[in-house]
Protein backbone atom coordinates (compact mmCIF):
# COMPACT_ATOMS: atom_id res chain seq x y z
CA MET A 1 156.54 100.93 57.49
CA GLU A 2 155.52 103.38 60.04
CA ASN A 3 151.55 103.28 59.63
CA SER A 4 150.85 99.74 59.80
CA PHE A 5 148.91 97.62 62.67
CA LYS A 6 150.60 94.51 63.56
CA ILE A 7 147.53 92.21 64.99
CA TYR A 8 149.83 91.07 67.95
CA ASN A 9 149.82 94.97 69.00
CA CYS A 10 146.27 95.50 68.45
CA ASP A 11 143.32 95.66 71.45
CA PHE A 12 139.91 94.67 69.50
CA GLY A 13 136.18 95.16 70.74
CA ILE A 14 132.79 96.95 70.21
CA LYS A 15 130.97 99.05 72.02
CA VAL A 16 127.04 98.66 72.57
CA ASN A 17 124.98 101.27 74.22
CA GLY A 18 128.65 102.89 75.92
CA GLN A 19 129.07 99.37 77.21
CA THR A 20 132.58 98.02 75.92
CA TYR A 21 133.28 94.47 75.26
CA ASP A 22 136.90 93.83 74.42
CA PHE A 23 137.39 90.72 72.18
CA THR A 24 140.69 88.92 73.95
CA ASP A 25 141.77 85.99 71.17
CA VAL A 26 141.31 87.85 67.53
CA ALA A 27 142.16 85.75 64.28
CA GLU A 28 142.39 88.62 61.98
CA LEU A 29 140.50 92.21 60.71
CA GLN A 30 139.78 91.99 57.05
CA ILE A 31 138.14 95.31 55.77
CA GLU A 32 136.91 95.62 52.72
CA ASP A 33 135.76 99.11 51.35
CA ALA A 34 133.47 98.74 48.59
CA VAL A 35 134.02 102.79 46.96
CA ARG A 36 136.61 102.76 44.10
CA ASN A 37 138.42 104.95 41.53
CA ARG A 38 137.44 104.01 38.06
CA LEU A 39 138.47 105.40 34.11
CA THR A 40 135.93 104.76 31.41
CA ARG A 41 135.56 106.31 27.73
CA GLY A 42 133.07 107.14 24.78
CA ALA A 43 132.68 103.87 23.02
CA ASN A 44 134.45 105.41 19.90
CA ALA A 45 138.21 104.85 22.13
CA THR A 46 139.21 108.19 21.26
CA ASN A 47 140.21 109.54 24.68
CA ARG A 48 143.33 107.58 25.57
CA VAL A 49 143.01 109.45 29.18
CA GLY A 50 139.49 108.48 30.15
CA LEU A 51 137.52 110.35 32.18
CA THR A 52 137.53 109.43 35.98
CA TYR A 53 134.27 108.54 38.64
CA ARG A 54 134.11 107.14 41.44
CA ASP A 55 131.54 103.82 42.12
CA GLY A 56 130.20 101.29 44.91
CA LEU A 57 129.83 104.71 47.15
CA LYS A 58 126.29 103.23 47.92
CA GLU A 59 127.73 100.12 49.58
CA PRO A 60 129.37 100.08 53.15
CA THR A 61 132.72 98.93 53.74
CA ARG A 62 132.71 95.62 55.52
CA TRP A 63 134.35 94.56 58.67
CA THR A 64 135.23 90.51 58.91
CA ILE A 65 136.65 89.61 62.30
CA PRO A 66 137.15 86.04 63.24
CA ILE A 67 137.31 85.61 67.32
CA MET A 68 138.50 82.31 69.13
CA ASP A 69 137.48 81.29 71.73
CA MET A 70 134.12 83.47 72.69
CA SER A 71 132.48 83.57 75.48
CA ALA A 72 128.56 82.81 76.38
CA ALA A 73 127.83 86.22 77.49
CA LEU A 74 129.73 88.27 74.27
CA LYS A 75 128.03 85.59 71.96
CA ALA A 76 124.63 86.38 73.64
CA VAL A 77 125.24 90.27 73.84
CA LEU A 78 126.03 89.95 69.80
CA ASP A 79 122.95 87.95 69.29
CA ASN A 80 120.89 90.67 70.61
CA CYS A 81 123.13 93.27 68.72
CA TYR A 82 121.68 91.22 65.55
CA SER A 83 118.43 90.72 66.07
CA LYS A 84 117.69 93.59 67.47
CA GLN A 85 119.71 95.59 64.69
CA ILE A 86 121.43 97.65 67.77
CA ARG A 87 123.52 99.89 66.53
CA ILE A 88 127.72 99.29 67.50
CA GLU A 89 131.09 100.87 67.29
CA ALA A 90 133.62 98.61 65.99
CA PHE A 91 137.53 99.53 67.07
CA CYS A 92 141.28 98.22 66.82
CA ILE A 93 143.84 99.93 68.60
CA ASP A 94 148.00 99.98 68.25
CA ARG A 95 148.79 99.44 72.15
CA GLU A 96 151.94 101.45 71.22
CA SER A 97 151.40 104.31 69.10
CA GLY A 98 147.79 104.51 69.72
CA ALA A 99 146.62 104.92 66.43
CA LYS A 100 142.79 103.38 65.39
CA LYS A 101 140.47 101.70 63.25
CA ILE A 102 137.44 102.29 63.80
CA ALA A 103 133.68 101.47 62.92
CA LYS A 104 130.74 103.44 63.83
CA GLN A 105 127.52 103.48 63.81
CA ALA A 106 127.81 99.86 62.51
CA ILE A 107 125.82 96.77 62.36
CA LEU A 108 126.59 92.96 62.50
CA SER A 109 125.33 91.94 58.97
CA ASN A 110 125.15 88.19 59.82
CA LYS A 111 124.72 86.63 62.96
CA PRO A 112 127.31 85.68 64.48
CA GLN A 113 128.32 82.11 64.44
CA GLN A 114 130.93 79.01 64.38
CA LEU A 115 131.44 78.53 60.73
CA THR A 116 134.15 75.50 61.38
CA LEU A 117 133.47 72.06 62.46
CA ASP A 118 136.19 70.37 62.63
CA ASP A 119 140.02 69.82 64.52
CA SER A 120 141.35 72.76 63.17
CA PRO A 121 141.97 76.16 65.07
CA GLU A 122 139.45 77.69 62.89
CA SER A 123 136.64 75.68 64.56
CA LEU A 124 137.27 78.08 67.69
CA GLN A 125 136.00 80.90 65.54
CA VAL A 126 133.16 82.94 65.75
CA SER A 127 132.86 84.89 62.59
CA LEU A 128 131.75 88.61 62.91
CA GLU A 129 130.63 90.47 60.05
CA ILE A 130 129.93 93.78 60.23
CA GLU A 131 128.52 97.02 58.00
CA THR A 132 128.93 100.91 58.81
CA PHE A 133 129.06 104.07 56.30
CA ASP A 134 131.28 105.62 58.98
CA SER A 135 135.13 103.70 59.08
CA SER A 136 137.92 105.59 59.38
CA GLU A 137 141.83 105.23 60.22
CA THR A 138 144.05 107.60 62.48
CA TYR A 139 147.67 107.22 63.12
CA LYS A 140 150.02 108.40 65.24
CA GLU A 141 153.77 108.42 65.72
CA ALA A 142 154.82 105.85 67.71
CA PRO A 143 156.84 106.58 70.47
CA ALA A 144 160.76 107.16 70.03
CA GLN A 145 162.44 103.54 71.01
CA GLY A 146 165.41 104.27 73.09
């Protein structure tokens, strides 16, 4: 698939008040969009096609980004964003194609924290949970291999 993001080709980070903070070690990015196209029909069930509608419009898109080995300085910035409900912009940019995933006017929905304490690689992760109503993707053609 030409328009797919590969985590090993992507740069991740956030912008806070015009300042960019890059994430050097991101484990993954999960995006959950609550908006769904749905079907319904009357209770007498004579309509075999159904009526379409869209639900989840009041719910934000949620981004989850586990970051490994986060610095104390970055943790302090994120804690401040959480406690003061500062708006941020989160991004994922493909270094090869320039394709982007961006969450604008977002907030940290949970306090950034280490969720796993054991001897596994997951214990090095701090989980960022972000909510936004302005999440987008833009694709560009990858440069020709030659």
